[in-house]
Amino acid sequence: MIKSQDIKKGVCIRMDGKLYFCIDFLHVKPGKGNTIMRTTLKDVVSGRVLEKRFNIGESLEDVRVERRPYQYLYLEGEDYIFMNNETFEQVPIAKELITGVAYMKEGDTVDVVSDADTETILYAEMPVKTVVRITYTEPGLKGDTATNTLKPATIETGAEVRVPLFIEEGELIEIDTRDGSYQNRVKE
């Protein structure tokens, strides 16, 4: 159990039978009355975000979570098979629990967050930036670099991203796995 004033970003609590991660928090001292803790919580399973107020001193059930690096091996049916880099144990994880799954390729390392008490996998998270190869894109027009125009491109995972006109097939680019946006070109 933790007290409401001990909530910080990244703390996981159990409330109404669901697990929530604290995304943001703020101590509020109104002119009259008791100090309250205003929090923004994210549901681990559904990803739904809600705002919740707690009185200072209120007891909450905290959940101990562990982050471990896992390596993506292959896709088997609907599940993605990962290997624990420490124990070499292979674990299936459902597609819905993986953030940035469209940009994940074999051999990528992801952070897997699990409940330390029950060993239940809560979610898997790709690094914010990853390097991928362009497998198909239309050729850009020569000299057309003055505008910030983007064109569609298919990457090696099969996902489609928008890239600047000067990017060509076979090049390596860095993308943001949260929204698939182009970051920059990577030299080999």
N, C-alpha and C. Protein backbone atom coordinates (compact mmCIF):
# COMPACT_ATOMS: atom_id res chain seq x y z
N MET A 1 0.84 -1.18 0.00
CA MET A 1 0.00 0.00 0.00
C MET A 1 0.89 1.25 0.00
N ILE A 2 0.47 2.23 -0.78
CA ILE A 2 1.15 3.52 -0.77
C ILE A 2 0.13 4.61 -0.46
N LYS A 3 0.62 5.74 -0.03
CA LYS A 3 -0.25 6.88 0.23
C LYS A 3 -0.38 7.70 -1.06
N SER A 4 -1.49 8.39 -1.19
CA SER A 4 -1.76 9.14 -2.42
C SER A 4 -0.69 10.19 -2.70
N GLN A 5 -0.07 10.77 -1.68
CA GLN A 5 0.96 11.78 -1.92
C GLN A 5 2.27 11.18 -2.45
N ASP A 6 2.40 9.84 -2.44
CA ASP A 6 3.60 9.19 -2.95
C ASP A 6 3.50 8.82 -4.43
N ILE A 7 2.38 9.13 -5.06
CA ILE A 7 2.20 8.81 -6.48
C ILE A 7 3.13 9.70 -7.30
N LYS A 8 3.86 9.06 -8.21
CA LYS A 8 4.76 9.76 -9.13
C LYS A 8 4.51 9.21 -10.54
N LYS A 9 5.11 9.82 -11.54
CA LYS A 9 4.99 9.31 -12.91
C LYS A 9 5.59 7.91 -12.97
N GLY A 10 4.87 7.00 -13.64
CA GLY A 10 5.35 5.63 -13.81
C GLY A 10 4.91 4.67 -12.73
N VAL A 11 4.32 5.18 -11.63
CA VAL A 11 3.84 4.29 -10.57
C VAL A 11 2.59 3.57 -11.05
N CYS A 12 2.50 2.28 -10.75
CA CYS A 12 1.36 1.47 -11.15
C CYS A 12 0.51 1.18 -9.91
N ILE A 13 -0.80 1.43 -10.02
CA ILE A 13 -1.71 1.15 -8.91
C ILE A 13 -2.86 0.27 -9.39
N ARG A 14 -3.48 -0.45 -8.44
CA ARG A 14 -4.66 -1.25 -8.74
C ARG A 14 -5.85 -0.52 -8.14
N MET A 15 -6.85 -0.25 -9.00
CA MET A 15 -8.04 0.47 -8.57
C MET A 15 -9.25 -0.13 -9.28
N ASP A 16 -10.27 -0.48 -8.54
CA ASP A 16 -11.49 -1.09 -9.10
C ASP A 16 -11.18 -2.34 -9.91
N GLY A 17 -10.17 -3.10 -9.48
CA GLY A 17 -9.82 -4.35 -10.16
C GLY A 17 -9.02 -4.17 -11.43
N LYS A 18 -8.65 -2.94 -11.78
CA LYS A 18 -7.87 -2.68 -12.99
C LYS A 18 -6.53 -2.08 -12.61
N LEU A 19 -5.56 -2.23 -13.52
CA LEU A 19 -4.23 -1.65 -13.30
C LEU A 19 -4.11 -0.34 -14.06
N TYR A 20 -3.54 0.67 -13.39
CA TYR A 20 -3.35 1.99 -13.99
C TYR A 20 -1.93 2.47 -13.75
N PHE A 21 -1.35 3.10 -14.78
CA PHE A 21 -0.05 3.77 -14.65
C PHE A 21 -0.30 5.26 -14.52
N CYS A 22 0.45 5.91 -13.64
CA CYS A 22 0.34 7.36 -13.48
C CYS A 22 1.13 8.02 -14.62
N ILE A 23 0.45 8.86 -15.38
CA ILE A 23 1.08 9.60 -16.48
C ILE A 23 1.50 10.98 -16.00
N ASP A 24 0.66 11.58 -15.14
CA ASP A 24 0.93 12.93 -14.66
C ASP A 24 0.29 13.11 -13.29
N PHE A 25 0.85 13.99 -12.47
CA PHE A 25 0.29 14.24 -11.14
C PHE A 25 0.53 15.69 -10.75
N LEU A 26 -0.31 16.18 -9.82
CA LEU A 26 -0.18 17.55 -9.37
C LEU A 26 -0.76 17.68 -7.96
N HIS A 27 0.02 18.26 -7.05
CA HIS A 27 -0.47 18.56 -5.71
C HIS A 27 -1.25 19.87 -5.80
N VAL A 28 -2.46 19.89 -5.28
CA VAL A 28 -3.29 21.09 -5.34
C VAL A 28 -3.68 21.48 -3.92
N LYS A 29 -3.36 22.72 -3.54
CA LYS A 29 -3.71 23.24 -2.22
C LYS A 29 -4.72 24.36 -2.43
N PRO A 30 -6.01 24.03 -2.32
CA PRO A 30 -7.01 25.09 -2.49
C PRO A 30 -6.96 26.07 -1.32
N GLY A 31 -7.59 27.21 -1.47
CA GLY A 31 -7.60 28.21 -0.41
C GLY A 31 -8.23 27.68 0.87
N LYS A 32 -9.28 26.93 0.75
CA LYS A 32 -9.93 26.31 1.91
C LYS A 32 -9.94 24.81 1.68
N GLY A 33 -9.89 24.08 2.75
CA GLY A 33 -10.00 22.63 2.63
C GLY A 33 -8.66 21.94 2.59
N ASN A 34 -8.73 20.63 2.38
CA ASN A 34 -7.52 19.80 2.39
C ASN A 34 -6.80 19.81 1.06
N THR A 35 -5.52 19.50 1.11
CA THR A 35 -4.73 19.36 -0.10
C THR A 35 -5.17 18.08 -0.82
N ILE A 36 -5.25 18.17 -2.13
CA ILE A 36 -5.62 16.98 -2.92
C ILE A 36 -4.52 16.68 -3.93
N MET A 37 -4.56 15.47 -4.42
CA MET A 37 -3.61 15.00 -5.43
C MET A 37 -4.41 14.77 -6.71
N ARG A 38 -4.14 15.55 -7.75
CA ARG A 38 -4.82 15.37 -9.03
C ARG A 38 -3.92 14.53 -9.92
N THR A 39 -4.42 13.41 -10.43
CA THR A 39 -3.60 12.50 -11.24
C THR A 39 -4.25 12.23 -12.58
N THR A 40 -3.42 11.90 -13.55
CA THR A 40 -3.87 11.40 -14.84
C THR A 40 -3.38 9.96 -14.92
N LEU A 41 -4.32 9.04 -15.04
CA LEU A 41 -4.01 7.61 -15.03
C LEU A 41 -4.35 6.97 -16.36
N LYS A 42 -3.52 5.98 -16.76
CA LYS A 42 -3.75 5.26 -18.01
C LYS A 42 -4.01 3.80 -17.70
N ASP A 43 -5.14 3.29 -18.20
CA ASP A 43 -5.50 1.89 -18.02
C ASP A 43 -4.50 1.03 -18.81
N VAL A 44 -3.88 0.06 -18.14
CA VAL A 44 -2.85 -0.77 -18.77
C VAL A 44 -3.44 -1.59 -19.91
N VAL A 45 -4.63 -2.15 -19.73
CA VAL A 45 -5.22 -3.05 -20.73
C VAL A 45 -5.82 -2.29 -21.90
N SER A 46 -6.72 -1.35 -21.63
CA SER A 46 -7.45 -0.67 -22.71
C SER A 46 -6.73 0.56 -23.24
N GLY A 47 -5.82 1.14 -22.45
CA GLY A 47 -5.12 2.35 -22.88
C GLY A 47 -5.93 3.61 -22.63
N ARG A 48 -7.12 3.47 -22.03
CA ARG A 48 -7.98 4.61 -21.74
C ARG A 48 -7.34 5.49 -20.67
N VAL A 49 -7.43 6.79 -20.85
CA VAL A 49 -6.85 7.74 -19.90
C VAL A 49 -7.97 8.39 -19.11
N LEU A 50 -7.78 8.48 -17.78
CA LEU A 50 -8.77 9.15 -16.96
C LEU A 50 -8.10 10.02 -15.92
N GLU A 51 -8.83 11.04 -15.47
CA GLU A 51 -8.32 11.92 -14.43
C GLU A 51 -9.00 11.53 -13.13
N LYS A 52 -8.22 11.47 -12.05
CA LYS A 52 -8.73 11.05 -10.75
C LYS A 52 -8.12 11.92 -9.67
N ARG A 53 -8.94 12.30 -8.67
CA ARG A 53 -8.46 13.07 -7.53
C ARG A 53 -8.43 12.18 -6.30
N PHE A 54 -7.37 12.34 -5.53
CA PHE A 54 -7.24 11.61 -4.26
C PHE A 54 -6.99 12.61 -3.15
N ASN A 55 -7.56 12.36 -1.97
CA ASN A 55 -7.24 13.16 -0.79
C ASN A 55 -5.85 12.76 -0.30
N ILE A 56 -5.11 13.71 0.23
CA ILE A 56 -3.79 13.41 0.77
C ILE A 56 -3.95 12.46 1.96
N GLY A 57 -3.14 11.42 1.99
CA GLY A 57 -3.21 10.44 3.06
C GLY A 57 -4.06 9.22 2.72
N GLU A 58 -4.74 9.26 1.58
CA GLU A 58 -5.57 8.13 1.15
C GLU A 58 -4.66 6.96 0.77
N SER A 59 -5.03 5.75 1.19
CA SER A 59 -4.22 4.56 0.89
C SER A 59 -4.63 3.98 -0.46
N LEU A 60 -3.63 3.60 -1.25
CA LEU A 60 -3.85 2.99 -2.56
C LEU A 60 -3.05 1.71 -2.66
N GLU A 61 -3.55 0.76 -3.44
CA GLU A 61 -2.84 -0.50 -3.63
C GLU A 61 -1.87 -0.35 -4.79
N ASP A 62 -0.57 -0.42 -4.49
CA ASP A 62 0.42 -0.29 -5.55
C ASP A 62 0.76 -1.67 -6.10
N VAL A 63 1.19 -1.68 -7.34
CA VAL A 63 1.57 -2.91 -8.02
C VAL A 63 3.04 -2.79 -8.40
N ARG A 64 3.83 -3.78 -8.01
CA ARG A 64 5.26 -3.76 -8.36
C ARG A 64 5.41 -4.30 -9.77
N VAL A 65 5.99 -3.50 -10.64
CA VAL A 65 6.18 -3.91 -12.03
C VAL A 65 7.66 -4.02 -12.35
N GLU A 66 7.97 -4.89 -13.30
CA GLU A 66 9.36 -5.07 -13.75
C GLU A 66 9.43 -4.81 -15.25
N ARG A 67 10.51 -4.15 -15.66
CA ARG A 67 10.78 -3.91 -17.09
C ARG A 67 11.98 -4.77 -17.46
N ARG A 68 11.80 -5.57 -18.49
CA ARG A 68 12.90 -6.42 -18.94
C ARG A 68 13.01 -6.34 -20.46
N PRO A 69 14.24 -6.43 -20.98
CA PRO A 69 14.40 -6.45 -22.44
C PRO A 69 14.09 -7.84 -22.99
N TYR A 70 13.25 -7.87 -24.03
CA TYR A 70 12.93 -9.10 -24.74
C TYR A 70 13.25 -8.87 -26.21
N GLN A 71 13.64 -9.94 -26.90
CA GLN A 71 13.95 -9.84 -28.33
C GLN A 71 12.83 -10.48 -29.12
N TYR A 72 12.35 -9.77 -30.16
CA TYR A 72 11.29 -10.30 -31.02
C TYR A 72 11.87 -11.36 -31.95
N LEU A 73 11.27 -12.55 -31.95
CA LEU A 73 11.76 -13.65 -32.78
C LEU A 73 10.94 -13.85 -34.05
N TYR A 74 9.63 -14.14 -33.89
CA TYR A 74 8.80 -14.41 -35.06
C TYR A 74 7.32 -14.30 -34.71
N LEU A 75 6.48 -14.33 -35.76
CA LEU A 75 5.03 -14.26 -35.61
C LEU A 75 4.47 -15.67 -35.75
N GLU A 76 3.63 -16.07 -34.79
CA GLU A 76 3.01 -17.40 -34.84
C GLU A 76 1.51 -17.22 -34.67
N GLY A 77 0.77 -17.31 -35.77
CA GLY A 77 -0.67 -17.09 -35.71
C GLY A 77 -0.95 -15.63 -35.38
N GLU A 78 -1.66 -15.39 -34.28
CA GLU A 78 -1.98 -14.04 -33.82
C GLU A 78 -0.98 -13.52 -32.80
N ASP A 79 -0.12 -14.40 -32.28
CA ASP A 79 0.82 -14.02 -31.22
C ASP A 79 2.21 -13.73 -31.77
N TYR A 80 2.88 -12.80 -31.12
CA TYR A 80 4.27 -12.49 -31.43
C TYR A 80 5.13 -13.19 -30.38
N ILE A 81 6.13 -13.93 -30.83
CA ILE A 81 6.98 -14.70 -29.93
C ILE A 81 8.23 -13.89 -29.60
N PHE A 82 8.47 -13.71 -28.30
CA PHE A 82 9.61 -12.96 -27.79
C PHE A 82 10.48 -13.86 -26.94
N MET A 83 11.77 -13.52 -26.85
CA MET A 83 12.70 -14.27 -26.01
C MET A 83 13.25 -13.35 -24.93
N ASN A 84 13.19 -13.82 -23.69
CA ASN A 84 13.77 -13.10 -22.57
C ASN A 84 15.29 -13.13 -22.74
N ASN A 85 15.93 -11.96 -22.77
CA ASN A 85 17.37 -11.88 -23.02
C ASN A 85 18.21 -12.41 -21.86
N GLU A 86 17.61 -12.61 -20.69
CA GLU A 86 18.35 -13.11 -19.54
C GLU A 86 18.20 -14.62 -19.37
N THR A 87 16.96 -15.12 -19.51
CA THR A 87 16.71 -16.55 -19.27
C THR A 87 16.55 -17.35 -20.56
N PHE A 88 16.45 -16.70 -21.70
CA PHE A 88 16.25 -17.31 -23.01
C PHE A 88 14.92 -18.05 -23.11
N GLU A 89 13.99 -17.74 -22.23
CA GLU A 89 12.64 -18.31 -22.26
C GLU A 89 11.85 -17.60 -23.34
N GLN A 90 11.05 -18.37 -24.11
CA GLN A 90 10.24 -17.79 -25.17
C GLN A 90 8.82 -17.58 -24.68
N VAL A 91 8.26 -16.39 -24.96
CA VAL A 91 6.95 -16.01 -24.46
C VAL A 91 6.11 -15.43 -25.59
N PRO A 92 4.85 -15.89 -25.75
CA PRO A 92 3.97 -15.26 -26.74
C PRO A 92 3.29 -14.03 -26.14
N ILE A 93 3.19 -12.96 -26.93
CA ILE A 93 2.51 -11.73 -26.51
C ILE A 93 1.53 -11.34 -27.60
N ALA A 94 0.30 -11.03 -27.20
CA ALA A 94 -0.75 -10.66 -28.15
C ALA A 94 -0.43 -9.30 -28.79
N LYS A 95 -0.87 -9.14 -30.03
CA LYS A 95 -0.62 -7.92 -30.81
C LYS A 95 -1.14 -6.67 -30.11
N GLU A 96 -2.29 -6.77 -29.42
CA GLU A 96 -2.91 -5.62 -28.77
C GLU A 96 -2.06 -5.07 -27.63
N LEU A 97 -1.16 -5.87 -27.07
CA LEU A 97 -0.36 -5.45 -25.93
C LEU A 97 0.97 -4.81 -26.33
N ILE A 98 1.24 -4.72 -27.64
CA ILE A 98 2.53 -4.20 -28.11
C ILE A 98 2.34 -2.83 -28.75
N THR A 99 3.05 -1.83 -28.23
CA THR A 99 2.99 -0.50 -28.85
C THR A 99 4.03 -0.43 -29.96
N GLY A 100 3.66 0.11 -31.11
CA GLY A 100 4.58 0.23 -32.24
C GLY A 100 4.77 -1.07 -32.99
N VAL A 101 3.81 -1.99 -32.89
CA VAL A 101 3.96 -3.32 -33.49
C VAL A 101 4.10 -3.27 -35.02
N ALA A 102 3.53 -2.28 -35.67
CA ALA A 102 3.60 -2.19 -37.13
C ALA A 102 5.01 -1.91 -37.63
N TYR A 103 5.88 -1.41 -36.76
CA TYR A 103 7.24 -1.04 -37.17
C TYR A 103 8.28 -1.99 -36.59
N MET A 104 7.85 -3.11 -36.03
CA MET A 104 8.75 -4.06 -35.37
C MET A 104 9.21 -5.11 -36.37
N LYS A 105 10.52 -5.35 -36.40
CA LYS A 105 11.07 -6.38 -37.28
C LYS A 105 11.80 -7.43 -36.45
N GLU A 106 12.03 -8.59 -37.04
CA GLU A 106 12.69 -9.68 -36.31
C GLU A 106 14.05 -9.22 -35.79
N GLY A 107 14.32 -9.57 -34.51
CA GLY A 107 15.59 -9.20 -33.89
C GLY A 107 15.52 -7.92 -33.07
N ASP A 108 14.43 -7.14 -33.20
CA ASP A 108 14.30 -5.91 -32.42
C ASP A 108 14.14 -6.23 -30.94
N THR A 109 14.68 -5.36 -30.10
CA THR A 109 14.54 -5.51 -28.66
C THR A 109 13.48 -4.55 -28.16
N VAL A 110 12.55 -5.08 -27.35
CA VAL A 110 11.48 -4.28 -26.78
C VAL A 110 11.53 -4.39 -25.26
N ASP A 111 10.94 -3.41 -24.57
CA ASP A 111 10.80 -3.47 -23.12
C ASP A 111 9.47 -4.12 -22.80
N VAL A 112 9.51 -5.22 -22.04
CA VAL A 112 8.28 -5.90 -21.63
C VAL A 112 8.05 -5.58 -20.15
N VAL A 113 6.87 -5.04 -19.87
CA VAL A 113 6.50 -4.66 -18.50
C VAL A 113 5.56 -5.73 -17.97
N SER A 114 5.93 -6.30 -16.81
CA SER A 114 5.10 -7.36 -16.23
C SER A 114 4.87 -7.10 -14.75
N ASP A 115 3.76 -7.66 -14.24
CA ASP A 115 3.42 -7.58 -12.82
C ASP A 115 4.38 -8.51 -12.09
N ALA A 116 5.16 -7.98 -11.15
CA ALA A 116 6.19 -8.77 -10.47
C ALA A 116 5.59 -9.88 -9.60
N ASP A 117 4.39 -9.67 -9.08
CA ASP A 117 3.78 -10.66 -8.19
C ASP A 117 3.20 -11.85 -8.95
N THR A 118 2.49 -11.59 -10.03
CA THR A 118 1.82 -12.67 -10.77
C THR A 118 2.56 -13.08 -12.05
N GLU A 119 3.63 -12.35 -12.41
CA GLU A 119 4.39 -12.59 -13.65
C GLU A 119 3.52 -12.43 -14.90
N THR A 120 2.43 -11.69 -14.80
CA THR A 120 1.55 -11.43 -15.93
C THR A 120 2.14 -10.30 -16.76
N ILE A 121 2.20 -10.50 -18.07
CA ILE A 121 2.72 -9.46 -18.96
C ILE A 121 1.64 -8.40 -19.16
N LEU A 122 1.98 -7.15 -18.84
CA LEU A 122 1.02 -6.06 -18.96
C LEU A 122 1.04 -5.46 -20.36
N TYR A 123 2.24 -5.16 -20.86
CA TYR A 123 2.39 -4.66 -22.22
C TYR A 123 3.85 -4.71 -22.64
N ALA A 124 4.08 -4.56 -23.94
CA ALA A 124 5.43 -4.50 -24.51
C ALA A 124 5.54 -3.18 -25.27
N GLU A 125 6.72 -2.58 -25.20
CA GLU A 125 6.90 -1.25 -25.74
C GLU A 125 8.15 -1.19 -26.62
N MET A 126 7.95 -0.79 -27.87
CA MET A 126 9.08 -0.59 -28.79
C MET A 126 9.86 0.66 -28.35
N PRO A 127 11.16 0.72 -28.69
CA PRO A 127 11.89 1.98 -28.46
C PRO A 127 11.20 3.10 -29.26
N VAL A 128 11.34 4.34 -28.82
CA VAL A 128 10.66 5.46 -29.46
C VAL A 128 11.10 5.62 -30.92
N LYS A 129 12.39 5.39 -31.19
CA LYS A 129 12.88 5.51 -32.57
C LYS A 129 13.48 4.19 -33.02
N THR A 130 13.24 3.86 -34.30
CA THR A 130 13.80 2.64 -34.88
C THR A 130 14.22 2.92 -36.32
N VAL A 131 15.17 2.13 -36.80
CA VAL A 131 15.68 2.28 -38.16
C VAL A 131 15.10 1.18 -39.03
N VAL A 132 14.51 1.56 -40.17
CA VAL A 132 13.89 0.60 -41.10
C VAL A 132 14.34 0.92 -42.53
N ARG A 133 14.19 -0.07 -43.40
CA ARG A 133 14.56 0.09 -44.81
C ARG A 133 13.31 0.30 -45.66
N ILE A 134 13.41 1.20 -46.63
CA ILE A 134 12.31 1.45 -47.56
C ILE A 134 12.33 0.33 -48.60
N THR A 135 11.21 -0.38 -48.77
CA THR A 135 11.15 -1.45 -49.77
C THR A 135 10.49 -0.98 -51.06
N TYR A 136 9.59 0.01 -50.95
CA TYR A 136 8.97 0.54 -52.17
C TYR A 136 8.54 1.98 -51.95
N THR A 137 8.83 2.81 -52.94
CA THR A 137 8.31 4.18 -52.98
C THR A 137 8.42 4.69 -54.41
N GLU A 138 7.55 5.60 -54.76
CA GLU A 138 7.61 6.22 -56.09
C GLU A 138 8.85 7.09 -56.17
N PRO A 139 9.49 7.16 -57.33
CA PRO A 139 10.66 8.05 -57.45
C PRO A 139 10.24 9.51 -57.32
N GLY A 140 11.08 10.31 -56.66
CA GLY A 140 10.81 11.74 -56.50
C GLY A 140 11.21 12.50 -57.74
N LEU A 141 10.65 13.67 -57.91
CA LEU A 141 11.01 14.50 -59.06
C LEU A 141 12.31 15.24 -58.75
N LYS A 142 13.20 15.30 -59.73
CA LYS A 142 14.48 15.94 -59.53
C LYS A 142 14.30 17.43 -59.29
N GLY A 143 14.96 17.94 -58.26
CA GLY A 143 14.90 19.36 -57.96
C GLY A 143 13.69 19.79 -57.16
N ASP A 144 12.78 18.85 -56.86
CA ASP A 144 11.56 19.21 -56.12
C ASP A 144 11.79 19.02 -54.62
N THR A 145 12.65 19.85 -54.03
CA THR A 145 12.96 19.71 -52.61
C THR A 145 12.64 20.97 -51.82
N ALA A 146 12.04 21.96 -52.48
CA ALA A 146 11.78 23.25 -51.81
C ALA A 146 10.59 23.16 -50.86
N THR A 147 9.70 22.22 -51.09
CA THR A 147 8.50 22.12 -50.24
C THR A 147 8.63 20.97 -49.27
N ASN A 148 7.78 20.96 -48.26
CA ASN A 148 7.77 19.86 -47.29
C ASN A 148 6.76 18.79 -47.69
N THR A 149 6.67 18.50 -48.96
CA THR A 149 5.72 17.52 -49.46
C THR A 149 6.19 16.12 -49.09
N LEU A 150 5.24 15.28 -48.67
CA LEU A 150 5.55 13.90 -48.31
C LEU A 150 4.88 12.95 -49.29
N LYS A 151 5.50 11.78 -49.47
CA LYS A 151 4.93 10.75 -50.35
C LYS A 151 4.85 9.45 -49.56
N PRO A 152 3.96 8.55 -49.95
CA PRO A 152 3.86 7.27 -49.23
C PRO A 152 5.03 6.35 -49.58
N ALA A 153 5.46 5.57 -48.59
CA ALA A 153 6.54 4.59 -48.79
C ALA A 153 6.23 3.36 -47.96
N THR A 154 6.56 2.19 -48.49
CA THR A 154 6.38 0.94 -47.76
C THR A 154 7.72 0.55 -47.16
N ILE A 155 7.70 0.18 -45.88
CA ILE A 155 8.94 -0.22 -45.21
C ILE A 155 9.00 -1.74 -45.11
N GLU A 156 10.13 -2.27 -44.64
CA GLU A 156 10.37 -3.71 -44.64
C GLU A 156 9.38 -4.51 -43.79
N THR A 157 8.68 -3.88 -42.85
CA THR A 157 7.70 -4.59 -42.04
C THR A 157 6.34 -4.67 -42.74
N GLY A 158 6.20 -3.96 -43.84
CA GLY A 158 4.93 -3.95 -44.58
C GLY A 158 4.08 -2.73 -44.27
N ALA A 159 4.45 -1.95 -43.28
CA ALA A 159 3.69 -0.75 -42.91
C ALA A 159 3.98 0.37 -43.91
N GLU A 160 3.05 1.30 -44.00
CA GLU A 160 3.23 2.44 -44.89
C GLU A 160 3.49 3.69 -44.06
N VAL A 161 4.51 4.44 -44.44
CA VAL A 161 4.85 5.70 -43.77
C VAL A 161 4.96 6.80 -44.81
N ARG A 162 4.93 8.04 -44.37
CA ARG A 162 5.07 9.18 -45.28
C ARG A 162 6.49 9.73 -45.14
N VAL A 163 7.16 9.88 -46.28
CA VAL A 163 8.55 10.32 -46.31
C VAL A 163 8.70 11.50 -47.27
N PRO A 164 9.79 12.30 -47.13
CA PRO A 164 10.03 13.40 -48.07
C PRO A 164 10.29 12.87 -49.49
N LEU A 165 10.14 13.74 -50.46
CA LEU A 165 10.26 13.34 -51.87
C LEU A 165 11.64 12.81 -52.24
N PHE A 166 12.71 13.25 -51.55
CA PHE A 166 14.06 12.84 -51.93
C PHE A 166 14.43 11.43 -51.47
N ILE A 167 13.64 10.80 -50.62
CA ILE A 167 13.92 9.45 -50.14
C ILE A 167 13.63 8.45 -51.27
N GLU A 168 14.57 7.52 -51.45
CA GLU A 168 14.43 6.54 -52.53
C GLU A 168 14.35 5.12 -51.97
N GLU A 169 13.95 4.20 -52.81
CA GLU A 169 13.84 2.80 -52.46
C GLU A 169 15.20 2.25 -52.02
N GLY A 170 15.22 1.43 -50.95
CA GLY A 170 16.45 0.83 -50.47
C GLY A 170 17.18 1.63 -49.41
N GLU A 171 16.75 2.86 -49.15
CA GLU A 171 17.42 3.69 -48.14
C GLU A 171 16.95 3.32 -46.74
N LEU A 172 17.79 3.62 -45.76
CA LEU A 172 17.44 3.43 -44.36
C LEU A 172 16.94 4.77 -43.81
N ILE A 173 15.83 4.70 -43.05
CA ILE A 173 15.31 5.90 -42.42
C ILE A 173 15.02 5.60 -40.96
N GLU A 174 14.96 6.66 -40.16
CA GLU A 174 14.59 6.53 -38.75
C GLU A 174 13.16 7.04 -38.61
N ILE A 175 12.32 6.24 -37.92
CA ILE A 175 10.93 6.65 -37.72
C ILE A 175 10.59 6.62 -36.23
N ASP A 176 9.56 7.38 -35.88
CA ASP A 176 9.03 7.41 -34.52
C ASP A 176 7.98 6.30 -34.43
N THR A 177 8.17 5.34 -33.52
CA THR A 177 7.26 4.19 -33.44
C THR A 177 5.91 4.53 -32.82
N ARG A 178 5.77 5.70 -32.20
CA ARG A 178 4.49 6.07 -31.61
C ARG A 178 3.47 6.45 -32.67
N ASP A 179 3.91 7.12 -33.74
CA ASP A 179 2.96 7.56 -34.77
C ASP A 179 3.43 7.25 -36.20
N GLY A 180 4.61 6.66 -36.36
CA GLY A 180 5.09 6.29 -37.69
C GLY A 180 5.63 7.46 -38.50
N SER A 181 5.93 8.56 -37.85
CA SER A 181 6.41 9.73 -38.58
C SER A 181 7.90 9.62 -38.90
N TYR A 182 8.26 10.14 -40.06
CA TYR A 182 9.64 10.15 -40.54
C TYR A 182 10.46 11.10 -39.67
N GLN A 183 11.67 10.67 -39.26
CA GLN A 183 12.55 11.52 -38.46
C GLN A 183 13.73 12.02 -39.29
N ASN A 184 14.50 11.07 -39.86
CA ASN A 184 15.62 11.48 -40.71
C ASN A 184 16.16 10.27 -41.47
N ARG A 185 17.07 10.57 -42.39
CA ARG A 185 17.73 9.54 -43.20
C ARG A 185 18.92 9.02 -42.41
N VAL A 186 19.21 7.71 -42.54
CA VAL A 186 20.32 7.08 -41.82
C VAL A 186 21.32 6.57 -42.85
N LYS A 187 22.61 6.90 -42.64
CA LYS A 187 23.65 6.41 -43.54
C LYS A 187 24.05 4.99 -43.15
N GLU A 188 24.34 4.18 -44.14
CA GLU A 188 24.74 2.79 -43.87
C GLU A 188 26.19 2.72 -43.52
